[in-house]
Amino acid sequence: ISRVIRALCAEGDVIEARVLGVPRAGHISGYFDDFDRMASAVARYDGQAEAAYFTLNPVRPELLARANNRLVEWTKHTTSDADILCRRWMMIDFDPARPTGISSSDTELEAALARREEVIEWLDLAGFPAGLCGMSGNGAHLLYRLDNLPNDEEHTILIQACIAVIAAHFGDKAVDIDRKVFNPARLCKLYGTLVRKGENM
């Protein structure tokens, strides 16, 4: 978990960690500029919660005062789009079509991973730099580094349009490409943690 955070976040960044669906604790959230402490805090809930997430883009340092390098149960305040300092990443989310609240099957996951490869090839031909690949637990992620773009309406519209074009070309009834992941405060699966949705079948 610590390696993932250091690969995607810069030293000195403040980021939010959020753990959803913790038994008898609800949603848990905290703000961290100490990545090792964040990894340790999240790891305590790994395998017990539905999933663990973090903000891909850095947040305002003042938010540390909500929960300074620790996780708080039954959290009330989380990161809004206005709290993001800049845009570091564009995420493309490949989600197998299935009922909500359950894990994907092996076949559904393989379809999402295959669709991601198609998009990588298409974007390579369009001149995109190499992206980073991750698994959401039930689907696939593709992350492209941005050059600390301003958190403003112009760049939000640009990222939204880019994702919409990819979704229009490659999304279908088997694999959905989520058009809603363009907002600055979008949470990303914390890679290296277990996702638990529905029964273990």
N, C-alpha and C. Protein backbone atom coordinates (compact mmCIF):
# COMPACT_ATOMS: atom_id res chain seq x y z
N ILE A 1 0.84 -1.20 0.00
CA ILE A 1 0.00 0.00 0.00
C ILE A 1 0.87 1.25 0.00
N SER A 2 1.92 1.24 0.80
CA SER A 2 2.82 2.40 0.87
C SER A 2 3.49 2.66 -0.48
N ARG A 3 3.89 1.60 -1.18
CA ARG A 3 4.53 1.77 -2.49
C ARG A 3 3.56 2.40 -3.49
N VAL A 4 2.30 2.00 -3.44
CA VAL A 4 1.30 2.56 -4.34
C VAL A 4 1.13 4.05 -4.09
N ILE A 5 1.00 4.43 -2.83
CA ILE A 5 0.79 5.84 -2.49
C ILE A 5 1.98 6.67 -2.96
N ARG A 6 3.20 6.17 -2.73
CA ARG A 6 4.38 6.93 -3.12
C ARG A 6 4.54 7.02 -4.64
N ALA A 7 4.03 6.02 -5.35
CA ALA A 7 4.10 6.06 -6.81
C ALA A 7 3.13 7.07 -7.42
N LEU A 8 2.02 7.32 -6.74
CA LEU A 8 0.98 8.16 -7.31
C LEU A 8 0.90 9.54 -6.68
N CYS A 9 1.51 9.73 -5.52
CA CYS A 9 1.45 11.01 -4.81
C CYS A 9 2.86 11.52 -4.58
N ALA A 10 2.99 12.84 -4.44
CA ALA A 10 4.29 13.46 -4.22
C ALA A 10 4.52 13.70 -2.74
N GLU A 11 5.78 13.63 -2.32
CA GLU A 11 6.12 13.94 -0.94
C GLU A 11 5.62 15.33 -0.59
N GLY A 12 5.01 15.46 0.57
CA GLY A 12 4.46 16.74 0.98
C GLY A 12 3.00 16.92 0.65
N ASP A 13 2.46 16.07 -0.24
CA ASP A 13 1.03 16.13 -0.54
C ASP A 13 0.21 15.76 0.69
N VAL A 14 -0.97 16.34 0.76
CA VAL A 14 -1.99 15.88 1.71
C VAL A 14 -3.06 15.18 0.89
N ILE A 15 -3.40 13.96 1.28
CA ILE A 15 -4.42 13.19 0.56
C ILE A 15 -5.40 12.61 1.57
N GLU A 16 -6.60 12.37 1.08
CA GLU A 16 -7.61 11.73 1.93
C GLU A 16 -7.63 10.23 1.67
N ALA A 17 -7.68 9.45 2.73
CA ALA A 17 -7.96 8.02 2.64
C ALA A 17 -9.37 7.79 3.15
N ARG A 18 -10.13 6.96 2.45
CA ARG A 18 -11.51 6.69 2.85
C ARG A 18 -11.78 5.19 2.73
N VAL A 19 -12.27 4.61 3.80
CA VAL A 19 -12.58 3.18 3.84
C VAL A 19 -14.10 3.05 4.01
N LEU A 20 -14.74 2.35 3.08
CA LEU A 20 -16.20 2.28 3.05
C LEU A 20 -16.69 0.93 3.58
N GLY A 21 -17.85 1.00 4.24
CA GLY A 21 -18.53 -0.22 4.65
C GLY A 21 -17.81 -1.01 5.72
N VAL A 22 -17.28 -0.32 6.73
CA VAL A 22 -16.61 -1.01 7.84
C VAL A 22 -17.69 -1.43 8.85
N PRO A 23 -17.78 -2.70 9.23
CA PRO A 23 -18.80 -3.13 10.20
C PRO A 23 -18.72 -2.34 11.50
N ARG A 24 -19.86 -1.83 11.93
CA ARG A 24 -20.00 -1.07 13.17
C ARG A 24 -19.18 0.22 13.21
N ALA A 25 -18.75 0.68 12.04
CA ALA A 25 -18.01 1.94 12.00
C ALA A 25 -18.39 2.80 10.80
N GLY A 26 -19.20 2.26 9.89
CA GLY A 26 -19.65 3.03 8.74
C GLY A 26 -18.51 3.36 7.80
N HIS A 27 -18.53 4.59 7.29
CA HIS A 27 -17.46 5.06 6.42
C HIS A 27 -16.41 5.74 7.29
N ILE A 28 -15.15 5.46 7.00
CA ILE A 28 -14.02 5.97 7.78
C ILE A 28 -13.16 6.83 6.86
N SER A 29 -12.71 7.96 7.38
CA SER A 29 -11.92 8.87 6.56
C SER A 29 -10.85 9.56 7.39
N GLY A 30 -9.77 9.96 6.73
CA GLY A 30 -8.72 10.73 7.39
C GLY A 30 -7.84 11.38 6.35
N TYR A 31 -7.02 12.33 6.80
CA TYR A 31 -6.13 13.08 5.90
C TYR A 31 -4.69 12.83 6.32
N PHE A 32 -3.82 12.64 5.32
CA PHE A 32 -2.46 12.18 5.59
C PHE A 32 -1.44 12.94 4.74
N ASP A 33 -0.34 13.33 5.40
CA ASP A 33 0.86 13.71 4.68
C ASP A 33 2.02 12.79 5.03
N ASP A 34 1.74 11.80 5.88
CA ASP A 34 2.68 10.75 6.23
C ASP A 34 2.16 9.46 5.59
N PHE A 35 2.79 9.08 4.49
CA PHE A 35 2.25 7.97 3.70
C PHE A 35 2.40 6.63 4.40
N ASP A 36 3.44 6.46 5.20
CA ASP A 36 3.59 5.20 5.94
C ASP A 36 2.48 5.06 6.98
N ARG A 37 2.14 6.16 7.65
CA ARG A 37 1.05 6.11 8.63
C ARG A 37 -0.28 5.85 7.94
N MET A 38 -0.45 6.39 6.74
CA MET A 38 -1.68 6.13 5.99
C MET A 38 -1.79 4.65 5.64
N ALA A 39 -0.69 4.07 5.16
CA ALA A 39 -0.71 2.66 4.79
C ALA A 39 -1.03 1.79 6.00
N SER A 40 -0.43 2.10 7.14
CA SER A 40 -0.68 1.32 8.36
C SER A 40 -2.12 1.45 8.82
N ALA A 41 -2.66 2.69 8.75
CA ALA A 41 -4.03 2.93 9.20
C ALA A 41 -5.03 2.17 8.34
N VAL A 42 -4.84 2.21 7.04
CA VAL A 42 -5.77 1.53 6.12
C VAL A 42 -5.64 0.02 6.25
N ALA A 43 -4.41 -0.46 6.40
CA ALA A 43 -4.18 -1.91 6.46
C ALA A 43 -4.94 -2.57 7.61
N ARG A 44 -5.20 -1.82 8.68
CA ARG A 44 -5.93 -2.40 9.82
C ARG A 44 -7.35 -2.81 9.43
N TYR A 45 -7.89 -2.19 8.40
CA TYR A 45 -9.26 -2.50 7.98
C TYR A 45 -9.31 -3.37 6.72
N ASP A 46 -8.15 -3.66 6.14
CA ASP A 46 -8.12 -4.41 4.89
C ASP A 46 -8.72 -5.80 5.10
N GLY A 47 -9.64 -6.17 4.23
CA GLY A 47 -10.31 -7.45 4.33
C GLY A 47 -11.58 -7.42 5.16
N GLN A 48 -11.80 -6.33 5.92
CA GLN A 48 -13.01 -6.20 6.72
C GLN A 48 -14.04 -5.30 6.05
N ALA A 49 -13.56 -4.31 5.28
CA ALA A 49 -14.43 -3.30 4.69
C ALA A 49 -14.79 -3.67 3.26
N GLU A 50 -15.73 -2.91 2.69
CA GLU A 50 -16.08 -3.11 1.28
C GLU A 50 -14.90 -2.76 0.39
N ALA A 51 -14.27 -1.60 0.65
CA ALA A 51 -13.16 -1.16 -0.19
C ALA A 51 -12.49 0.05 0.44
N ALA A 52 -11.23 0.27 0.05
CA ALA A 52 -10.47 1.44 0.50
C ALA A 52 -10.11 2.30 -0.71
N TYR A 53 -10.20 3.61 -0.52
CA TYR A 53 -9.98 4.56 -1.61
C TYR A 53 -9.08 5.69 -1.13
N PHE A 54 -8.60 6.48 -2.10
CA PHE A 54 -7.85 7.69 -1.77
C PHE A 54 -8.07 8.73 -2.86
N THR A 55 -7.78 9.99 -2.54
CA THR A 55 -7.90 11.05 -3.54
C THR A 55 -6.67 11.02 -4.44
N LEU A 56 -6.90 10.89 -5.74
CA LEU A 56 -5.79 10.87 -6.70
C LEU A 56 -5.06 12.21 -6.74
N ASN A 57 -5.80 13.29 -6.54
CA ASN A 57 -5.24 14.63 -6.62
C ASN A 57 -5.04 15.19 -5.21
N PRO A 58 -3.98 16.00 -5.00
CA PRO A 58 -3.69 16.51 -3.65
C PRO A 58 -4.76 17.49 -3.17
N VAL A 59 -4.99 17.49 -1.86
CA VAL A 59 -6.03 18.34 -1.26
C VAL A 59 -5.38 19.48 -0.48
N ARG A 60 -6.20 20.44 -0.09
CA ARG A 60 -5.73 21.59 0.70
C ARG A 60 -5.13 21.10 2.02
N PRO A 61 -3.94 21.59 2.37
CA PRO A 61 -3.29 21.13 3.62
C PRO A 61 -4.11 21.38 4.87
N GLU A 62 -4.98 22.41 4.84
CA GLU A 62 -5.78 22.71 6.02
C GLU A 62 -6.67 21.55 6.44
N LEU A 63 -6.99 20.65 5.49
CA LEU A 63 -7.89 19.54 5.81
C LEU A 63 -7.27 18.52 6.76
N LEU A 64 -5.96 18.61 6.97
CA LEU A 64 -5.34 17.76 7.99
C LEU A 64 -6.01 17.95 9.35
N ALA A 65 -6.54 19.16 9.58
CA ALA A 65 -7.15 19.44 10.88
C ALA A 65 -8.44 18.65 11.10
N ARG A 66 -8.98 18.02 10.06
CA ARG A 66 -10.17 17.17 10.25
C ARG A 66 -9.80 15.84 10.90
N ALA A 67 -8.67 15.31 10.51
CA ALA A 67 -8.20 14.02 11.07
C ALA A 67 -6.74 13.89 10.68
N ASN A 68 -5.85 14.34 11.55
CA ASN A 68 -4.44 14.50 11.25
C ASN A 68 -3.70 13.16 11.28
N ASN A 69 -3.45 12.62 10.06
CA ASN A 69 -2.72 11.35 9.92
C ASN A 69 -3.35 10.22 10.72
N ARG A 70 -4.69 10.18 10.73
CA ARG A 70 -5.42 9.10 11.36
C ARG A 70 -6.77 8.95 10.67
N LEU A 71 -7.42 7.83 10.89
CA LEU A 71 -8.75 7.57 10.35
C LEU A 71 -9.79 7.77 11.44
N VAL A 72 -10.91 8.39 11.06
CA VAL A 72 -12.01 8.68 11.98
C VAL A 72 -13.25 7.91 11.54
N GLU A 73 -13.89 7.23 12.48
CA GLU A 73 -15.10 6.45 12.16
C GLU A 73 -16.30 7.38 12.01
N TRP A 74 -17.30 6.89 11.28
CA TRP A 74 -18.55 7.63 11.05
C TRP A 74 -18.26 9.05 10.58
N THR A 75 -17.40 9.17 9.58
CA THR A 75 -16.96 10.47 9.13
C THR A 75 -18.11 11.31 8.57
N LYS A 76 -18.06 12.61 8.81
CA LYS A 76 -19.10 13.52 8.34
C LYS A 76 -18.61 14.41 7.19
N HIS A 77 -17.32 14.76 7.21
CA HIS A 77 -16.80 15.71 6.22
C HIS A 77 -15.73 15.02 5.38
N THR A 78 -15.90 15.08 4.07
CA THR A 78 -14.93 14.50 3.15
C THR A 78 -14.57 15.55 2.09
N THR A 79 -13.65 15.18 1.21
CA THR A 79 -13.10 16.13 0.24
C THR A 79 -14.12 16.50 -0.83
N SER A 80 -14.24 17.80 -1.09
CA SER A 80 -15.07 18.30 -2.18
C SER A 80 -14.17 18.70 -3.35
N ASP A 81 -14.78 18.92 -4.51
CA ASP A 81 -14.00 19.34 -5.68
C ASP A 81 -13.24 20.63 -5.42
N ALA A 82 -13.82 21.54 -4.65
CA ALA A 82 -13.16 22.82 -4.37
C ALA A 82 -11.92 22.66 -3.48
N ASP A 83 -11.77 21.49 -2.82
CA ASP A 83 -10.64 21.26 -1.93
C ASP A 83 -9.39 20.77 -2.65
N ILE A 84 -9.49 20.50 -3.94
CA ILE A 84 -8.37 19.95 -4.70
C ILE A 84 -7.45 21.07 -5.17
N LEU A 85 -6.13 20.88 -4.99
CA LEU A 85 -5.17 21.92 -5.36
C LEU A 85 -4.89 21.96 -6.85
N CYS A 86 -4.75 20.79 -7.49
CA CYS A 86 -4.44 20.72 -8.91
C CYS A 86 -4.83 19.34 -9.44
N ARG A 87 -4.78 19.20 -10.76
CA ARG A 87 -5.14 17.92 -11.39
C ARG A 87 -3.85 17.19 -11.76
N ARG A 88 -3.61 16.05 -11.11
CA ARG A 88 -2.40 15.25 -11.38
C ARG A 88 -2.68 14.05 -12.28
N TRP A 89 -3.91 13.53 -12.21
CA TRP A 89 -4.20 12.27 -12.90
C TRP A 89 -5.55 12.32 -13.59
N MET A 90 -5.63 11.66 -14.73
CA MET A 90 -6.91 11.35 -15.38
C MET A 90 -7.10 9.84 -15.28
N MET A 91 -8.23 9.43 -14.73
CA MET A 91 -8.51 8.01 -14.55
C MET A 91 -9.58 7.56 -15.53
N ILE A 92 -9.33 6.41 -16.15
CA ILE A 92 -10.32 5.75 -17.00
C ILE A 92 -10.69 4.45 -16.28
N ASP A 93 -12.00 4.26 -16.05
CA ASP A 93 -12.49 3.17 -15.20
C ASP A 93 -13.32 2.21 -16.05
N PHE A 94 -12.86 0.97 -16.15
CA PHE A 94 -13.52 -0.07 -16.94
C PHE A 94 -14.26 -0.99 -15.98
N ASP A 95 -15.57 -0.96 -16.04
CA ASP A 95 -16.38 -1.66 -15.05
C ASP A 95 -17.25 -2.70 -15.75
N PRO A 96 -17.09 -3.99 -15.45
CA PRO A 96 -17.94 -5.00 -16.07
C PRO A 96 -19.40 -4.80 -15.69
N ALA A 97 -20.28 -4.96 -16.63
CA ALA A 97 -21.72 -4.83 -16.35
C ALA A 97 -22.19 -5.99 -15.49
N ARG A 98 -22.81 -5.66 -14.36
CA ARG A 98 -23.33 -6.67 -13.43
C ARG A 98 -24.24 -5.95 -12.43
N PRO A 99 -25.04 -6.65 -11.68
CA PRO A 99 -25.86 -5.99 -10.66
C PRO A 99 -24.98 -5.30 -9.62
N THR A 100 -25.47 -4.21 -9.05
CA THR A 100 -24.71 -3.49 -8.04
C THR A 100 -24.57 -4.33 -6.77
N GLY A 101 -23.48 -4.08 -6.02
CA GLY A 101 -23.29 -4.71 -4.73
C GLY A 101 -22.73 -6.12 -4.75
N ILE A 102 -22.25 -6.57 -5.93
CA ILE A 102 -21.64 -7.90 -5.99
C ILE A 102 -20.31 -7.81 -6.72
N SER A 103 -19.45 -8.80 -6.48
CA SER A 103 -18.16 -8.84 -7.15
C SER A 103 -18.32 -9.34 -8.58
N SER A 104 -17.33 -9.00 -9.41
CA SER A 104 -17.35 -9.50 -10.78
C SER A 104 -16.89 -10.96 -10.81
N SER A 105 -17.32 -11.67 -11.83
CA SER A 105 -16.82 -13.03 -12.06
C SER A 105 -15.45 -12.93 -12.74
N ASP A 106 -14.74 -14.06 -12.81
CA ASP A 106 -13.46 -14.07 -13.52
C ASP A 106 -13.64 -13.65 -14.97
N THR A 107 -14.70 -14.13 -15.60
CA THR A 107 -14.96 -13.81 -17.01
C THR A 107 -15.23 -12.32 -17.19
N GLU A 108 -16.00 -11.74 -16.27
CA GLU A 108 -16.30 -10.31 -16.36
C GLU A 108 -15.05 -9.47 -16.16
N LEU A 109 -14.21 -9.87 -15.22
CA LEU A 109 -12.97 -9.14 -14.98
C LEU A 109 -12.05 -9.23 -16.19
N GLU A 110 -11.95 -10.40 -16.78
CA GLU A 110 -11.10 -10.57 -17.97
C GLU A 110 -11.58 -9.70 -19.11
N ALA A 111 -12.89 -9.51 -19.24
CA ALA A 111 -13.43 -8.65 -20.30
C ALA A 111 -13.02 -7.20 -20.08
N ALA A 112 -13.03 -6.76 -18.82
CA ALA A 112 -12.61 -5.39 -18.52
C ALA A 112 -11.13 -5.19 -18.81
N LEU A 113 -10.30 -6.16 -18.44
CA LEU A 113 -8.86 -6.05 -18.69
C LEU A 113 -8.57 -6.05 -20.19
N ALA A 114 -9.30 -6.86 -20.96
CA ALA A 114 -9.10 -6.89 -22.41
C ALA A 114 -9.51 -5.57 -23.05
N ARG A 115 -10.61 -4.99 -22.57
CA ARG A 115 -11.06 -3.71 -23.11
C ARG A 115 -10.04 -2.61 -22.81
N ARG A 116 -9.44 -2.67 -21.64
CA ARG A 116 -8.40 -1.68 -21.32
C ARG A 116 -7.25 -1.76 -22.32
N GLU A 117 -6.86 -2.97 -22.70
CA GLU A 117 -5.76 -3.12 -23.67
C GLU A 117 -6.11 -2.48 -25.00
N GLU A 118 -7.37 -2.58 -25.41
CA GLU A 118 -7.81 -1.94 -26.65
C GLU A 118 -7.67 -0.43 -26.56
N VAL A 119 -8.06 0.13 -25.42
CA VAL A 119 -7.97 1.57 -25.24
C VAL A 119 -6.51 2.02 -25.19
N ILE A 120 -5.65 1.26 -24.52
CA ILE A 120 -4.23 1.61 -24.48
C ILE A 120 -3.66 1.69 -25.88
N GLU A 121 -3.97 0.70 -26.71
CA GLU A 121 -3.46 0.68 -28.08
C GLU A 121 -3.96 1.89 -28.86
N TRP A 122 -5.24 2.22 -28.70
CA TRP A 122 -5.85 3.36 -29.40
C TRP A 122 -5.22 4.68 -28.97
N LEU A 123 -5.01 4.84 -27.67
CA LEU A 123 -4.42 6.09 -27.16
C LEU A 123 -2.93 6.18 -27.50
N ASP A 124 -2.24 5.04 -27.56
CA ASP A 124 -0.85 5.05 -28.02
C ASP A 124 -0.75 5.60 -29.43
N LEU A 125 -1.66 5.15 -30.30
CA LEU A 125 -1.66 5.62 -31.69
C LEU A 125 -1.99 7.11 -31.77
N ALA A 126 -2.77 7.60 -30.79
CA ALA A 126 -3.13 9.03 -30.76
C ALA A 126 -2.02 9.88 -30.17
N GLY A 127 -0.93 9.27 -29.69
CA GLY A 127 0.18 10.03 -29.18
C GLY A 127 0.20 10.22 -27.68
N PHE A 128 -0.65 9.50 -26.96
CA PHE A 128 -0.63 9.60 -25.50
C PHE A 128 0.66 8.98 -24.96
N PRO A 129 1.20 9.53 -23.87
CA PRO A 129 2.33 8.87 -23.21
C PRO A 129 1.85 7.59 -22.52
N ALA A 130 2.79 6.80 -22.04
CA ALA A 130 2.42 5.56 -21.37
C ALA A 130 1.63 5.86 -20.10
N GLY A 131 0.57 5.10 -19.87
CA GLY A 131 -0.23 5.24 -18.67
C GLY A 131 0.14 4.17 -17.65
N LEU A 132 -0.53 4.22 -16.51
CA LEU A 132 -0.35 3.21 -15.47
C LEU A 132 -1.60 2.35 -15.39
N CYS A 133 -1.42 1.05 -15.22
CA CYS A 133 -2.54 0.12 -15.13
C CYS A 133 -2.76 -0.29 -13.68
N GLY A 134 -4.03 -0.36 -13.28
CA GLY A 134 -4.39 -0.83 -11.97
C GLY A 134 -5.67 -1.63 -12.04
N MET A 135 -5.94 -2.39 -10.97
CA MET A 135 -7.19 -3.14 -10.88
C MET A 135 -8.05 -2.51 -9.80
N SER A 136 -9.31 -2.29 -10.11
CA SER A 136 -10.23 -1.72 -9.14
C SER A 136 -10.73 -2.76 -8.15
N GLY A 137 -10.36 -4.01 -8.38
CA GLY A 137 -10.87 -5.12 -7.60
C GLY A 137 -11.88 -5.92 -8.39
N ASN A 138 -12.76 -5.21 -9.09
CA ASN A 138 -13.77 -5.86 -9.93
C ASN A 138 -13.68 -5.45 -11.39
N GLY A 139 -12.80 -4.52 -11.69
CA GLY A 139 -12.61 -4.05 -13.05
C GLY A 139 -11.19 -3.56 -13.23
N ALA A 140 -11.02 -2.67 -14.21
CA ALA A 140 -9.68 -2.21 -14.57
C ALA A 140 -9.62 -0.70 -14.55
N HIS A 141 -8.45 -0.17 -14.21
CA HIS A 141 -8.18 1.26 -14.25
C HIS A 141 -7.03 1.53 -15.20
N LEU A 142 -7.07 2.72 -15.78
CA LEU A 142 -5.98 3.24 -16.59
C LEU A 142 -5.76 4.68 -16.16
N LEU A 143 -4.55 5.01 -15.71
CA LEU A 143 -4.24 6.33 -15.18
C LEU A 143 -3.24 7.03 -16.08
N TYR A 144 -3.55 8.29 -16.43
CA TYR A 144 -2.64 9.10 -17.21
C TYR A 144 -2.22 10.32 -16.41
N ARG A 145 -0.91 10.54 -16.33
CA ARG A 145 -0.35 11.65 -15.56
C ARG A 145 -0.64 12.97 -16.27
N LEU A 146 -1.10 13.94 -15.50
CA LEU A 146 -1.33 15.29 -15.99
C LEU A 146 -0.28 16.22 -15.40
N ASP A 147 -0.07 17.34 -16.05
CA ASP A 147 1.01 18.24 -15.67
C ASP A 147 0.51 19.28 -14.66
N ASN A 148 0.02 18.78 -13.50
CA ASN A 148 -0.46 19.68 -12.45
C ASN A 148 -1.40 20.75 -13.02
N LEU A 149 -2.40 20.29 -13.76
CA LEU A 149 -3.34 21.22 -14.38
C LEU A 149 -4.14 21.97 -13.31
N PRO A 150 -4.50 23.21 -13.58
CA PRO A 150 -5.32 23.95 -12.61
C PRO A 150 -6.65 23.26 -12.36
N ASN A 151 -7.12 23.35 -11.14
CA ASN A 151 -8.44 22.84 -10.80
C ASN A 151 -9.46 23.92 -11.12
N ASP A 152 -9.85 23.98 -12.40
CA ASP A 152 -10.81 24.99 -12.84
C ASP A 152 -11.80 24.36 -13.81
N GLU A 153 -12.80 25.13 -14.18
CA GLU A 153 -13.87 24.60 -15.04
C GLU A 153 -13.35 24.19 -16.40
N GLU A 154 -12.43 24.95 -16.95
CA GLU A 154 -11.90 24.66 -18.28
C GLU A 154 -11.28 23.27 -18.34
N HIS A 155 -10.44 22.96 -17.38
CA HIS A 155 -9.75 21.67 -17.42
C HIS A 155 -10.67 20.53 -16.98
N THR A 156 -11.64 20.82 -16.14
CA THR A 156 -12.63 19.79 -15.80
C THR A 156 -13.42 19.40 -17.04
N ILE A 157 -13.84 20.38 -17.83
CA ILE A 157 -14.57 20.11 -19.07
C ILE A 157 -13.70 19.32 -20.05
N LEU A 158 -12.42 19.68 -20.13
CA LEU A 158 -11.50 18.99 -21.03
C LEU A 158 -11.37 17.51 -20.67
N ILE A 159 -11.17 17.22 -19.39
CA ILE A 159 -11.02 15.83 -18.94
C ILE A 159 -12.34 15.08 -19.12
N GLN A 160 -13.45 15.74 -18.81
CA GLN A 160 -14.77 15.12 -19.00
C GLN A 160 -14.98 14.73 -20.46
N ALA A 161 -14.62 15.63 -21.38
CA ALA A 161 -14.80 15.37 -22.81
C ALA A 161 -13.92 14.23 -23.28
N CYS A 162 -12.69 14.18 -22.79
CA CYS A 162 -11.77 13.11 -23.18
C CYS A 162 -12.31 11.74 -22.76
N ILE A 163 -12.77 11.64 -21.51
CA ILE A 163 -13.32 10.37 -21.03
C ILE A 163 -14.59 10.01 -21.81
N ALA A 164 -15.41 11.01 -22.13
CA ALA A 164 -16.65 10.76 -22.86
C ALA A 164 -16.37 10.19 -24.25
N VAL A 165 -15.33 10.69 -24.92
CA VAL A 165 -14.97 10.18 -26.24
C VAL A 165 -14.53 8.72 -26.15
N ILE A 166 -13.70 8.41 -25.16
CA ILE A 166 -13.25 7.03 -24.97
C ILE A 166 -14.43 6.11 -24.67
N ALA A 167 -15.34 6.58 -23.80
CA ALA A 167 -16.52 5.78 -23.46
C ALA A 167 -17.40 5.55 -24.68
N ALA A 168 -17.54 6.56 -25.52
CA ALA A 168 -18.38 6.42 -26.71
C ALA A 168 -17.80 5.40 -27.69
N HIS A 169 -16.48 5.34 -27.78
CA HIS A 169 -15.83 4.42 -28.71
C HIS A 169 -15.75 2.99 -28.19
N PHE A 170 -15.59 2.83 -26.86
CA PHE A 170 -15.24 1.52 -26.34
C PHE A 170 -16.22 0.95 -25.32
N GLY A 171 -17.13 1.76 -24.79
CA GLY A 171 -18.09 1.24 -23.83
C GLY A 171 -19.22 0.48 -24.53
N ASP A 172 -19.72 -0.58 -23.89
CA ASP A 172 -20.85 -1.32 -24.44
C ASP A 172 -21.58 -2.01 -23.28
N LYS A 173 -22.46 -2.93 -23.61
CA LYS A 173 -23.27 -3.58 -22.58
C LYS A 173 -22.46 -4.55 -21.71
N ALA A 174 -21.30 -4.95 -22.18
CA ALA A 174 -20.48 -5.89 -21.40
C ALA A 174 -19.52 -5.16 -20.46
N VAL A 175 -18.92 -4.08 -20.94
CA VAL A 175 -17.96 -3.30 -20.15
C VAL A 175 -18.32 -1.83 -20.26
N ASP A 176 -18.65 -1.25 -19.13
CA ASP A 176 -18.99 0.17 -19.08
C ASP A 176 -17.73 0.97 -18.76
N ILE A 177 -17.53 2.07 -19.47
CA ILE A 177 -16.46 3.02 -19.15
C ILE A 177 -17.13 4.19 -18.45
N ASP A 178 -16.83 4.34 -17.19
CA ASP A 178 -17.52 5.30 -16.33
C ASP A 178 -17.25 6.73 -16.78
N ARG A 179 -18.30 7.44 -17.16
CA ARG A 179 -18.17 8.83 -17.61
C ARG A 179 -18.12 9.81 -16.45
N LYS A 180 -18.34 9.34 -15.22
CA LYS A 180 -18.49 10.26 -14.08
C LYS A 180 -17.19 10.47 -13.30
N VAL A 181 -16.08 9.88 -13.74
CA VAL A 181 -14.86 9.94 -12.94
C VAL A 181 -13.98 11.14 -13.27
N PHE A 182 -14.55 12.16 -13.88
CA PHE A 182 -13.76 13.32 -14.32
C PHE A 182 -13.58 14.38 -13.24
N ASN A 183 -14.35 14.32 -12.16
CA ASN A 183 -14.32 15.43 -11.20
C ASN A 183 -13.02 15.42 -10.40
N PRO A 184 -12.57 16.61 -9.95
CA PRO A 184 -11.25 16.72 -9.31
C PRO A 184 -11.09 15.87 -8.05
N ALA A 185 -12.15 15.75 -7.24
CA ALA A 185 -12.04 15.03 -5.97
C ALA A 185 -12.38 13.56 -6.11
N ARG A 186 -12.35 13.05 -7.31
CA ARG A 186 -12.70 11.64 -7.54
C ARG A 186 -11.81 10.73 -6.71
N LEU A 187 -12.42 9.76 -6.06
CA LEU A 187 -11.68 8.76 -5.31
C LEU A 187 -11.22 7.65 -6.25
N CYS A 188 -10.08 7.08 -5.92
CA CYS A 188 -9.54 5.95 -6.67
C CYS A 188 -9.34 4.79 -5.72
N LYS A 189 -9.59 3.59 -6.19
CA LYS A 189 -9.30 2.39 -5.42
C LYS A 189 -7.86 2.45 -4.92
N LEU A 190 -7.65 2.14 -3.67
CA LEU A 190 -6.30 2.06 -3.12
C LEU A 190 -5.75 0.69 -3.47
N TYR A 191 -4.96 0.64 -4.52
CA TYR A 191 -4.42 -0.63 -5.01
C TYR A 191 -3.60 -1.32 -3.93
N GLY A 192 -3.75 -2.62 -3.85
CA GLY A 192 -3.08 -3.39 -2.81
C GLY A 192 -4.01 -3.76 -1.67
N THR A 193 -5.25 -3.24 -1.70
CA THR A 193 -6.23 -3.59 -0.68
C THR A 193 -7.33 -4.45 -1.29
N LEU A 194 -8.00 -5.22 -0.44
CA LEU A 194 -9.02 -6.15 -0.88
C LEU A 194 -10.38 -5.46 -1.02
N VAL A 195 -11.08 -5.79 -2.09
CA VAL A 195 -12.45 -5.32 -2.29
C VAL A 195 -13.40 -6.46 -1.93
N ARG A 196 -14.42 -6.14 -1.11
CA ARG A 196 -15.39 -7.15 -0.72
C ARG A 196 -16.78 -6.62 -1.02
N LYS A 197 -17.38 -7.16 -2.06
CA LYS A 197 -18.76 -6.77 -2.40
C LYS A 197 -19.59 -8.04 -2.45
N GLY A 198 -20.67 -8.07 -1.70
CA GLY A 198 -21.55 -9.22 -1.70
C GLY A 198 -20.95 -10.42 -0.99
N GLU A 199 -21.52 -11.59 -1.25
CA GLU A 199 -21.07 -12.83 -0.61
C GLU A 199 -19.84 -13.40 -1.33
N ASN A 200 -19.01 -14.12 -0.58
CA ASN A 200 -17.85 -14.77 -1.13
C ASN A 200 -18.29 -16.08 -1.78
N MET A 201 -18.49 -16.03 -3.11
CA MET A 201 -18.96 -17.21 -3.84
C MET A 201 -17.91 -17.69 -4.86
